[in-house]
Amino acid sequence: MRSLQPKQCWLPCAFFLWVGAADAEDSAELAKKALNPVAAMYSLPVQYNWDQKMGITGEGMHSVTNIQPVLPFELNDEWNLISRTILPVIDQHGQAPDGLADKTGTGDVTQSFFFSPKHPTHSGWILGAGPALLIPTGSDRLLSSRQWGLGPTGVALKQSNGWTRGILANHIWSLSGEQPNAQKVNQTFLQPFLSYTTHTYTTFGVNTESTYNWQTREWSVPVNLTVTQLLRLGGHPLTIQLGPRYWADSPEDGAHGWGFRAAITFLFPR
């Protein structure tokens, strides 16, 4: 008698193969969106940075935990508005002999809005541009510019064959007059980035987060090398990131040598 087992197994086997392919496709899309600053996806990155050899003594340390919620809004059939907020929580010690610079608290918020077309250009570039706002939310005068600031921001990136490359930039000027003992804000931020994502959704990346202070004419240039892994915990997607950072250039009392970065990003696909 001919066995019916192959026919009986066909439907459930096909179902599980289809589900596996769908999960792989979803994960591949999530991995790409996680690298796109203007992706139409809710996310909550929490990023920790540690740096050393700072301050007058050269023995100071500085850690910043950036809480960076990303909120997309659909404007119409062609455009999205992407809100990106950076709230830094700062801990610094040993930057002055008297210990008066030892502070822990919140820094100033940088709030950016990107108007971004829903579809890439014909050549595959994803674009976004809008205003960036500096909000003086610092909990201490040493952790804050104590000034409102405003300027333009923009991003351009391309994703293909596992590669993501692009640049994010902004420039912020002071809106209010100079506060007593506070330096006017006039700075440019440049973040070119390059990464490659493997078939296991592991991403190897390099970027710089360079800031040029037009008042002091000084650069701050940390170079970040990162490894990021897309995971699912209890069915919920997230990424975990680790890597060293090296200060290629810095003001005299700024960070020097090596530091490191660790981050976790909670993803909320629609």
C-alpha atoms as a PDB file:
ATOM      1  CA  MET A   1       0.000   0.000   0.000  1.00  0.00           C
ATOM      2  CA  ARG A   2       1.338   3.455  -0.887  1.00  0.00           C
ATOM      3  CA  SER A   3       2.242   5.548   2.138  1.00  0.00           C
ATOM      4  CA  LEU A   4       0.336   8.794   2.695  1.00  0.00           C
ATOM      5  CA  GLN A   5       3.019  10.252   4.956  1.00  0.00           C
ATOM      6  CA  PRO A   6       4.637  12.547   2.374  1.00  0.00           C
ATOM      7  CA  LYS A   7       1.271  14.073   1.447  1.00  0.00           C
ATOM      8  CA  GLN A   8       0.259  14.422   5.078  1.00  0.00           C
ATOM      9  CA  CYS A   9       3.519  16.222   5.898  1.00  0.00           C
ATOM     10  CA  TRP A  10       3.493  18.589   2.936  1.00  0.00           C
ATOM     11  CA  LEU A  11       1.138  21.242   4.303  1.00  0.00           C
ATOM     12  CA  PRO A  12       2.664  21.714   7.795  1.00  0.00           C
ATOM     13  CA  CYS A  13       6.207  21.553   6.387  1.00  0.00           C
ATOM     14  CA  ALA A  14       5.355  24.196   3.806  1.00  0.00           C
ATOM     15  CA  PHE A  15       3.771  26.318   6.517  1.00  0.00           C
ATOM     16  CA  PHE A  16       6.888  26.239   8.720  1.00  0.00           C
ATOM     17  CA  LEU A  17       9.137  26.971   5.749  1.00  0.00           C
ATOM     18  CA  TRP A  18       6.941  29.951   4.860  1.00  0.00           C
ATOM     19  CA  VAL A  19       7.000  31.223   8.462  1.00  0.00           C
ATOM     20  CA  GLY A  20      10.789  30.833   8.602  1.00  0.00           C
ATOM     21  CA  ALA A  21      11.186  32.763   5.357  1.00  0.00           C
ATOM     22  CA  ALA A  22       8.807  35.458   6.599  1.00  0.00           C
ATOM     23  CA  ASP A  23      10.741  35.784   9.867  1.00  0.00           C
ATOM     24  CA  ALA A  24      14.014  36.043   7.948  1.00  0.00           C
ATOM     25  CA  GLU A  25      12.540  38.712   5.681  1.00  0.00           C
ATOM     26  CA  ASP A  26      11.198  40.651   8.690  1.00  0.00           C
ATOM     27  CA  SER A  27      14.565  40.413  10.467  1.00  0.00           C
ATOM     28  CA  ALA A  28      16.448  41.601   7.382  1.00  0.00           C
ATOM     29  CA  GLU A  29      14.121  44.603   7.074  1.00  0.00           C
ATOM     30  CA  LEU A  30      14.440  45.355  10.801  1.00  0.00           C
ATOM     31  CA  ALA A  31      18.231  45.211  10.603  1.00  0.00           C
ATOM     32  CA  LYS A  32      18.148  47.773   7.774  1.00  0.00           C
ATOM     33  CA  LYS A  33      15.705  50.062   9.557  1.00  0.00           C
ATOM     34  CA  ALA A  34      17.754  49.947  12.753  1.00  0.00           C
ATOM     35  CA  LEU A  35      20.644  51.526  10.794  1.00  0.00           C
ATOM     36  CA  ASN A  36      18.471  54.192   9.154  1.00  0.00           C
ATOM     37  CA  PRO A  37      18.173  57.430  11.189  1.00  0.00           C
ATOM     38  CA  VAL A  38      14.949  58.371   9.371  1.00  0.00           C
ATOM     39  CA  ALA A  39      13.258  54.963   9.250  1.00  0.00           C
ATOM     40  CA  ALA A  40       9.509  55.096   9.883  1.00  0.00           C
ATOM     41  CA  MET A  41       9.782  52.922  12.990  1.00  0.00           C
ATOM     42  CA  TYR A  42       9.398  53.654  16.676  1.00  0.00           C
ATOM     43  CA  SER A  43      12.594  52.912  18.578  1.00  0.00           C
ATOM     44  CA  LEU A  44      14.286  53.680  21.875  1.00  0.00           C
ATOM     45  CA  PRO A  45      18.096  53.627  21.776  1.00  0.00           C
ATOM     46  CA  VAL A  46      19.930  53.880  25.114  1.00  0.00           C
ATOM     47  CA  GLN A  47      23.610  54.520  24.464  1.00  0.00           C
ATOM     48  CA  TYR A  48      26.442  54.578  27.025  1.00  0.00           C
ATOM     49  CA  ASN A  49      29.788  56.256  26.253  1.00  0.00           C
ATOM     50  CA  TRP A  50      32.838  56.277  28.535  1.00  0.00           C
ATOM     51  CA  ASP A  51      35.910  58.477  27.992  1.00  0.00           C
ATOM     52  CA  GLN A  52      39.069  59.285  29.934  1.00  0.00           C
ATOM     53  CA  LYS A  53      42.148  61.552  30.276  1.00  0.00           C
ATOM     54  CA  MET A  54      40.057  64.702  30.585  1.00  0.00           C
ATOM     55  CA  GLY A  55      40.231  68.047  32.339  1.00  0.00           C
ATOM     56  CA  ILE A  56      43.020  70.169  33.779  1.00  0.00           C
ATOM     57  CA  THR A  57      44.661  67.190  35.448  1.00  0.00           C
ATOM     58  CA  GLY A  58      44.355  64.863  32.460  1.00  0.00           C
ATOM     59  CA  GLU A  59      43.074  62.245  34.893  1.00  0.00           C
ATOM     60  CA  GLY A  60      39.373  62.958  34.621  1.00  0.00           C
ATOM     61  CA  MET A  61      36.694  60.627  33.317  1.00  0.00           C
ATOM     62  CA  HIS A  62      33.378  61.301  31.671  1.00  0.00           C
ATOM     63  CA  SER A  63      30.432  59.032  30.934  1.00  0.00           C
ATOM     64  CA  VAL A  64      27.318  59.960  29.003  1.00  0.00           C
ATOM     65  CA  THR A  65      24.168  57.858  28.740  1.00  0.00           C
ATOM     66  CA  ASN A  66      22.144  59.138  25.794  1.00  0.00           C
ATOM     67  CA  ILE A  67      18.417  58.368  25.858  1.00  0.00           C
ATOM     68  CA  GLN A  68      17.275  58.796  22.249  1.00  0.00           C
ATOM     69  CA  PRO A  69      13.596  58.102  21.467  1.00  0.00           C
ATOM     70  CA  VAL A  70      12.676  58.113  17.768  1.00  0.00           C
ATOM     71  CA  LEU A  71       9.077  58.880  16.814  1.00  0.00           C
ATOM     72  CA  PRO A  72       7.825  58.751  13.195  1.00  0.00           C
ATOM     73  CA  PHE A  73       4.759  60.662  12.014  1.00  0.00           C
ATOM     74  CA  GLU A  74       3.051  60.152   8.666  1.00  0.00           C
ATOM     75  CA  LEU A  75       2.319  63.507   7.020  1.00  0.00           C
ATOM     76  CA  ASN A  76       0.796  62.263   3.752  1.00  0.00           C
ATOM     77  CA  ASP A  77       1.296  59.615   1.065  1.00  0.00           C
ATOM     78  CA  GLU A  78       4.738  60.964   0.194  1.00  0.00           C
ATOM     79  CA  TRP A  79       6.312  62.330   3.378  1.00  0.00           C
ATOM     80  CA  ASN A  80       7.138  61.342   6.945  1.00  0.00           C
ATOM     81  CA  LEU A  81       8.253  63.506   9.836  1.00  0.00           C
ATOM     82  CA  ILE A  82      10.836  61.817  12.061  1.00  0.00           C
ATOM     83  CA  SER A  83      11.410  63.160  15.566  1.00  0.00           C
ATOM     84  CA  ARG A  84      14.795  62.292  17.125  1.00  0.00           C
ATOM     85  CA  THR A  85      15.517  63.372  20.711  1.00  0.00           C
ATOM     86  CA  ILE A  86      18.843  63.085  22.548  1.00  0.00           C
ATOM     87  CA  LEU A  87      18.731  63.475  26.332  1.00  0.00           C
ATOM     88  CA  PRO A  88      22.198  63.006  27.872  1.00  0.00           C
ATOM     89  CA  VAL A  89      22.699  61.840  31.465  1.00  0.00           C
ATOM     90  CA  ILE A  90      26.237  62.847  32.432  1.00  0.00           C
ATOM     91  CA  ASP A  91      28.638  61.627  35.117  1.00  0.00           C
ATOM     92  CA  GLN A  92      32.062  63.293  35.319  1.00  0.00           C
ATOM     93  CA  HIS A  93      34.837  63.101  37.892  1.00  0.00           C
ATOM     94  CA  GLY A  94      38.451  64.156  38.402  1.00  0.00           C
ATOM     95  CA  GLN A  95      38.506  66.928  35.826  1.00  0.00           C
ATOM     96  CA  ALA A  96      39.754  69.548  38.306  1.00  0.00           C
ATOM     97  CA  PRO A  97      42.039  69.202  41.353  1.00  0.00           C
ATOM     98  CA  ASP A  98      39.502  70.758  43.740  1.00  0.00           C
ATOM     99  CA  GLY A  99      36.724  68.349  42.731  1.00  0.00           C
ATOM    100  CA  LEU A 100      34.330  71.204  41.918  1.00  0.00           C
ATOM    101  CA  ALA A 101      33.842  69.813  38.395  1.00  0.00           C
ATOM    102  CA  ASP A 102      32.614  66.462  39.743  1.00  0.00           C
ATOM    103  CA  LYS A 103      28.998  66.447  38.632  1.00  0.00           C
ATOM    104  CA  THR A 104      26.199  64.004  37.824  1.00  0.00           C
ATOM    105  CA  GLY A 105      22.982  65.068  36.123  1.00  0.00           C
ATOM    106  CA  THR A 106      21.220  65.735  32.842  1.00  0.00           C
ATOM    107  CA  GLY A 107      22.703  67.722  29.994  1.00  0.00           C
ATOM    108  CA  ASP A 108      21.029  69.785  27.282  1.00  0.00           C
ATOM    109  CA  VAL A 109      18.513  68.107  24.981  1.00  0.00           C
ATOM    110  CA  THR A 110      19.089  68.112  21.217  1.00  0.00           C
ATOM    111  CA  GLN A 111      15.760  67.802  19.406  1.00  0.00           C
ATOM    112  CA  SER A 112      15.809  67.157  15.656  1.00  0.00           C
ATOM    113  CA  PHE A 113      12.975  66.923  13.144  1.00  0.00           C
ATOM    114  CA  PHE A 114      13.560  65.335   9.734  1.00  0.00           C
ATOM    115  CA  PHE A 115      11.111  65.766   6.861  1.00  0.00           C
ATOM    116  CA  SER A 116      11.813  62.618   4.872  1.00  0.00           C
ATOM    117  CA  PRO A 117      10.342  61.269   1.612  1.00  0.00           C
ATOM    118  CA  LYS A 118       8.808  57.830   2.075  1.00  0.00           C
ATOM    119  CA  HIS A 119      10.628  56.478  -0.966  1.00  0.00           C
ATOM    120  CA  PRO A 120      14.331  56.629  -1.854  1.00  0.00           C
ATOM    121  CA  THR A 121      15.549  58.522  -4.903  1.00  0.00           C
ATOM    122  CA  HIS A 122      15.950  56.723  -8.226  1.00  0.00           C
ATOM    123  CA  SER A 123      19.598  56.088  -7.336  1.00  0.00           C
ATOM    124  CA  GLY A 124      18.617  54.622  -3.951  1.00  0.00           C
ATOM    125  CA  TRP A 125      19.444  57.487  -1.585  1.00  0.00           C
ATOM    126  CA  ILE A 126      17.314  57.999   1.531  1.00  0.00           C
ATOM    127  CA  LEU A 127      17.080  61.663   2.514  1.00  0.00           C
ATOM    128  CA  GLY A 128      15.847  63.786   5.399  1.00  0.00           C
ATOM    129  CA  ALA A 129      16.228  67.412   6.473  1.00  0.00           C
ATOM    130  CA  GLY A 130      14.737  69.834   8.964  1.00  0.00           C
ATOM    131  CA  PRO A 131      15.478  71.893  12.082  1.00  0.00           C
ATOM    132  CA  ALA A 132      17.592  70.978  15.113  1.00  0.00           C
ATOM    133  CA  LEU A 133      16.876  72.620  18.458  1.00  0.00           C
ATOM    134  CA  LEU A 134      19.161  72.855  21.492  1.00  0.00           C
ATOM    135  CA  ILE A 135      17.143  73.005  24.728  1.00  0.00           C
ATOM    136  CA  PRO A 136      18.996  74.085  27.916  1.00  0.00           C
ATOM    137  CA  THR A 137      17.740  71.309  30.194  1.00  0.00           C
ATOM    138  CA  GLY A 138      21.079  70.767  31.977  1.00  0.00           C
ATOM    139  CA  SER A 139      20.685  70.184  35.719  1.00  0.00           C
ATOM    140  CA  ASP A 140      23.893  72.077  36.541  1.00  0.00           C
ATOM    141  CA  ARG A 141      25.680  75.066  34.998  1.00  0.00           C
ATOM    142  CA  LEU A 142      28.703  72.850  34.270  1.00  0.00           C
ATOM    143  CA  LEU A 143      26.525  70.379  32.341  1.00  0.00           C
ATOM    144  CA  SER A 144      24.639  72.939  30.245  1.00  0.00           C
ATOM    145  CA  SER A 145      25.259  75.629  27.640  1.00  0.00           C
ATOM    146  CA  ARG A 146      22.475  77.584  29.424  1.00  0.00           C
ATOM    147  CA  GLN A 147      21.299  78.815  26.019  1.00  0.00           C
ATOM    148  CA  TRP A 148      18.692  77.926  23.471  1.00  0.00           C
ATOM    149  CA  GLY A 149      20.047  77.042  20.052  1.00  0.00           C
ATOM    150  CA  LEU A 150      18.656  76.410  16.575  1.00  0.00           C
ATOM    151  CA  GLY A 151      19.945  75.356  13.177  1.00  0.00           C
ATOM    152  CA  PRO A 152      19.527  73.000  10.221  1.00  0.00           C
ATOM    153  CA  THR A 153      20.052  69.239  10.216  1.00  0.00           C
ATOM    154  CA  GLY A 154      20.120  66.694   7.420  1.00  0.00           C
ATOM    155  CA  VAL A 155      20.861  63.068   6.640  1.00  0.00           C
ATOM    156  CA  ALA A 156      21.615  61.141   3.453  1.00  0.00           C
ATOM    157  CA  LEU A 157      22.236  57.398   3.271  1.00  0.00           C
ATOM    158  CA  LYS A 158      22.156  54.462   0.887  1.00  0.00           C
ATOM    159  CA  GLN A 159      21.570  50.787   1.694  1.00  0.00           C
ATOM    160  CA  SER A 160      22.410  47.963  -0.714  1.00  0.00           C
ATOM    161  CA  ASN A 161      23.967  44.482  -0.638  1.00  0.00           C
ATOM    162  CA  GLY A 162      24.348  44.577   3.137  1.00  0.00           C
ATOM    163  CA  TRP A 163      26.135  47.940   3.135  1.00  0.00           C
ATOM    164  CA  THR A 164      24.863  51.124   4.761  1.00  0.00           C
ATOM    165  CA  ARG A 165      26.760  54.349   4.108  1.00  0.00           C
ATOM    166  CA  GLY A 166      25.898  57.974   4.601  1.00  0.00           C
ATOM    167  CA  ILE A 167      26.245  61.089   6.708  1.00  0.00           C
ATOM    168  CA  LEU A 168      24.200  62.944   9.325  1.00  0.00           C
ATOM    169  CA  ALA A 169      25.007  66.586  10.046  1.00  0.00           C
ATOM    170  CA  ASN A 170      23.725  69.661  11.842  1.00  0.00           C
ATOM    171  CA  HIS A 171      24.793  73.170  12.772  1.00  0.00           C
ATOM    172  CA  ILE A 172      23.486  74.980  15.837  1.00  0.00           C
ATOM    173  CA  TRP A 173      23.750  78.665  16.757  1.00  0.00           C
ATOM    174  CA  SER A 174      22.742  80.339  20.024  1.00  0.00           C
ATOM    175  CA  LEU A 175      19.296  81.935  19.968  1.00  0.00           C
ATOM    176  CA  SER A 176      19.633  83.883  23.218  1.00  0.00           C
ATOM    177  CA  GLY A 177      22.327  86.319  24.198  1.00  0.00           C
ATOM    178  CA  GLU A 178      25.432  85.037  25.914  1.00  0.00           C
ATOM    179  CA  GLN A 179      24.849  84.128  29.538  1.00  0.00           C
ATOM    180  CA  PRO A 180      27.359  85.157  32.238  1.00  0.00           C
ATOM    181  CA  ASN A 181      30.429  82.880  32.018  1.00  0.00           C
ATOM    182  CA  ALA A 182      28.766  80.869  29.225  1.00  0.00           C
ATOM    183  CA  GLN A 183      30.308  80.508  25.788  1.00  0.00           C
ATOM    184  CA  LYS A 184      28.174  81.245  22.738  1.00  0.00           C
ATOM    185  CA  VAL A 185      27.005  78.122  20.904  1.00  0.00           C
ATOM    186  CA  ASN A 186      28.214  77.982  17.304  1.00  0.00           C
ATOM    187  CA  GLN A 187      29.108  74.428  16.323  1.00  0.00           C
ATOM    188  CA  THR A 188      28.944  71.971  13.440  1.00  0.00           C
ATOM    189  CA  PHE A 189      28.314  68.252  13.944  1.00  0.00           C
ATOM    190  CA  LEU A 190      29.327  65.724  11.262  1.00  0.00           C
ATOM    191  CA  GLN A 191      28.653  61.978  11.482  1.00  0.00           C
ATOM    192  CA  PRO A 192      29.757  60.012   8.419  1.00  0.00           C
ATOM    193  CA  PHE A 193      29.019  56.299   8.845  1.00  0.00           C
ATOM    194  CA  LEU A 194      29.735  52.994   7.100  1.00  0.00           C
ATOM    195  CA  SER A 195      28.561  49.520   8.089  1.00  0.00           C
ATOM    196  CA  TYR A 196      28.072  46.020   6.751  1.00  0.00           C
ATOM    197  CA  THR A 197      25.363  43.590   7.894  1.00  0.00           C
ATOM    198  CA  THR A 198      25.875  39.828   7.557  1.00  0.00           C
ATOM    199  CA  HIS A 199      23.250  37.138   6.899  1.00  0.00           C
ATOM    200  CA  THR A 200      23.094  36.554  10.692  1.00  0.00           C
ATOM    201  CA  TYR A 201      22.098  40.230  11.191  1.00  0.00           C
ATOM    202  CA  THR A 202      25.432  41.123  12.763  1.00  0.00           C
ATOM    203  CA  THR A 203      26.546  44.612  11.744  1.00  0.00           C
ATOM    204  CA  PHE A 204      30.151  45.803  11.750  1.00  0.00           C
ATOM    205  CA  GLY A 205      30.354  49.584  11.661  1.00  0.00           C
ATOM    206  CA  VAL A 206      32.643  52.592  11.825  1.00  0.00           C
ATOM    207  CA  ASN A 207      31.719  56.244  12.226  1.00  0.00           C
ATOM    208  CA  THR A 208      32.997  59.521  13.538  1.00  0.00           C
ATOM    209  CA  GLU A 209      30.920  61.987  15.545  1.00  0.00           C
ATOM    210  CA  SER A 210      32.958  65.099  14.879  1.00  0.00           C
ATOM    211  CA  THR A 211      32.108  68.483  16.350  1.00  0.00           C
ATOM    212  CA  TYR A 212      33.781  71.736  15.286  1.00  0.00           C
ATOM    213  CA  ASN A 213      33.453  74.638  17.726  1.00  0.00           C
ATOM    214  CA  TRP A 214      33.620  77.837  15.686  1.00  0.00           C
ATOM    215  CA  GLN A 215      34.161  79.937  18.814  1.00  0.00           C
ATOM    216  CA  THR A 216      37.300  78.162  19.975  1.00  0.00           C
ATOM    217  CA  ARG A 217      38.209  76.777  16.512  1.00  0.00           C
ATOM    218  CA  GLU A 218      38.698  73.301  17.952  1.00  0.00           C
ATOM    219  CA  TRP A 219      37.697  69.845  16.766  1.00  0.00           C
ATOM    220  CA  SER A 220      36.380  66.942  18.834  1.00  0.00           C
ATOM    221  CA  VAL A 221      36.702  63.748  16.767  1.00  0.00           C
ATOM    222  CA  PRO A 222      35.879  60.383  18.347  1.00  0.00           C
ATOM    223  CA  VAL A 223      36.112  57.400  15.985  1.00  0.00           C
ATOM    224  CA  ASN A 224      33.726  54.573  16.910  1.00  0.00           C
ATOM    225  CA  LEU A 225      34.174  50.930  15.914  1.00  0.00           C
ATOM    226  CA  THR A 226      31.047  48.920  16.681  1.00  0.00           C
ATOM    227  CA  VAL A 227      29.530  45.454  16.443  1.00  0.00           C
ATOM    228  CA  THR A 228      25.723  45.344  16.550  1.00  0.00           C
ATOM    229  CA  GLN A 229      23.519  42.261  16.797  1.00  0.00           C
ATOM    230  CA  LEU A 230      19.792  42.051  16.094  1.00  0.00           C
ATOM    231  CA  LEU A 231      18.035  39.807  18.617  1.00  0.00           C
ATOM    232  CA  ARG A 232      14.526  38.810  19.648  1.00  0.00           C
ATOM    233  CA  LEU A 233      13.740  38.424  23.336  1.00  0.00           C
ATOM    234  CA  GLY A 234      10.292  37.030  24.027  1.00  0.00           C
ATOM    235  CA  GLY A 235       9.425  37.839  20.434  1.00  0.00           C
ATOM    236  CA  HIS A 236      10.372  41.519  20.811  1.00  0.00           C
ATOM    237  CA  PRO A 237      13.169  42.778  18.529  1.00  0.00           C
ATOM    238  CA  LEU A 238      16.129  44.771  19.810  1.00  0.00           C
ATOM    239  CA  THR A 239      19.759  45.419  18.967  1.00  0.00           C
ATOM    240  CA  ILE A 240      22.785  45.263  21.241  1.00  0.00           C
ATOM    241  CA  GLN A 241      25.945  47.174  20.359  1.00  0.00           C
ATOM    242  CA  LEU A 242      29.496  47.193  21.745  1.00  0.00           C
ATOM    243  CA  GLY A 243      32.774  48.700  20.607  1.00  0.00           C
ATOM    244  CA  PRO A 244      35.818  50.837  21.348  1.00  0.00           C
ATOM    245  CA  ARG A 245      36.208  54.508  20.504  1.00  0.00           C
ATOM    246  CA  TYR A 246      39.388  56.494  19.925  1.00  0.00           C
ATOM    247  CA  TRP A 247      39.803  60.269  20.082  1.00  0.00           C
ATOM    248  CA  ALA A 248      41.603  61.285  16.903  1.00  0.00           C
ATOM    249  CA  ASP A 249      41.413  64.958  17.913  1.00  0.00           C
ATOM    250  CA  SER A 250      40.188  66.792  20.995  1.00  0.00           C
ATOM    251  CA  PRO A 251      40.528  70.112  22.852  1.00  0.00           C
ATOM    252  CA  GLU A 252      43.314  70.233  25.434  1.00  0.00           C
ATOM    253  CA  ASP A 253      40.945  69.539  28.338  1.00  0.00           C
ATOM    254  CA  GLY A 254      38.802  67.101  26.324  1.00  0.00           C
ATOM    255  CA  ALA A 255      38.908  63.318  26.162  1.00  0.00           C
ATOM    256  CA  HIS A 256      42.035  61.576  24.875  1.00  0.00           C
ATOM    257  CA  GLY A 257      43.045  58.039  24.018  1.00  0.00           C
ATOM    258  CA  TRP A 258      40.585  55.147  24.141  1.00  0.00           C
ATOM    259  CA  GLY A 259      37.035  54.894  25.428  1.00  0.00           C
ATOM    260  CA  PHE A 260      34.153  52.548  24.736  1.00  0.00           C
ATOM    261  CA  ARG A 261      30.491  52.467  23.764  1.00  0.00           C
ATOM    262  CA  ALA A 262      27.671  50.103  24.674  1.00  0.00           C
ATOM    263  CA  ALA A 263      24.090  50.486  23.508  1.00  0.00           C
ATOM    264  CA  ILE A 264      20.755  48.748  23.438  1.00  0.00           C
ATOM    265  CA  THR A 265      17.972  49.769  21.072  1.00  0.00           C
ATOM    266  CA  PHE A 266      14.390  48.632  21.585  1.00  0.00           C
ATOM    267  CA  LEU A 267      12.563  48.346  18.254  1.00  0.00           C
ATOM    268  CA  PHE A 268       8.808  48.738  17.815  1.00  0.00           C
ATOM    269  CA  PRO A 269       7.932  47.893  14.196  1.00  0.00           C
ATOM    270  CA  ARG A 270       4.499  48.942  13.027  1.00  0.00           C
END
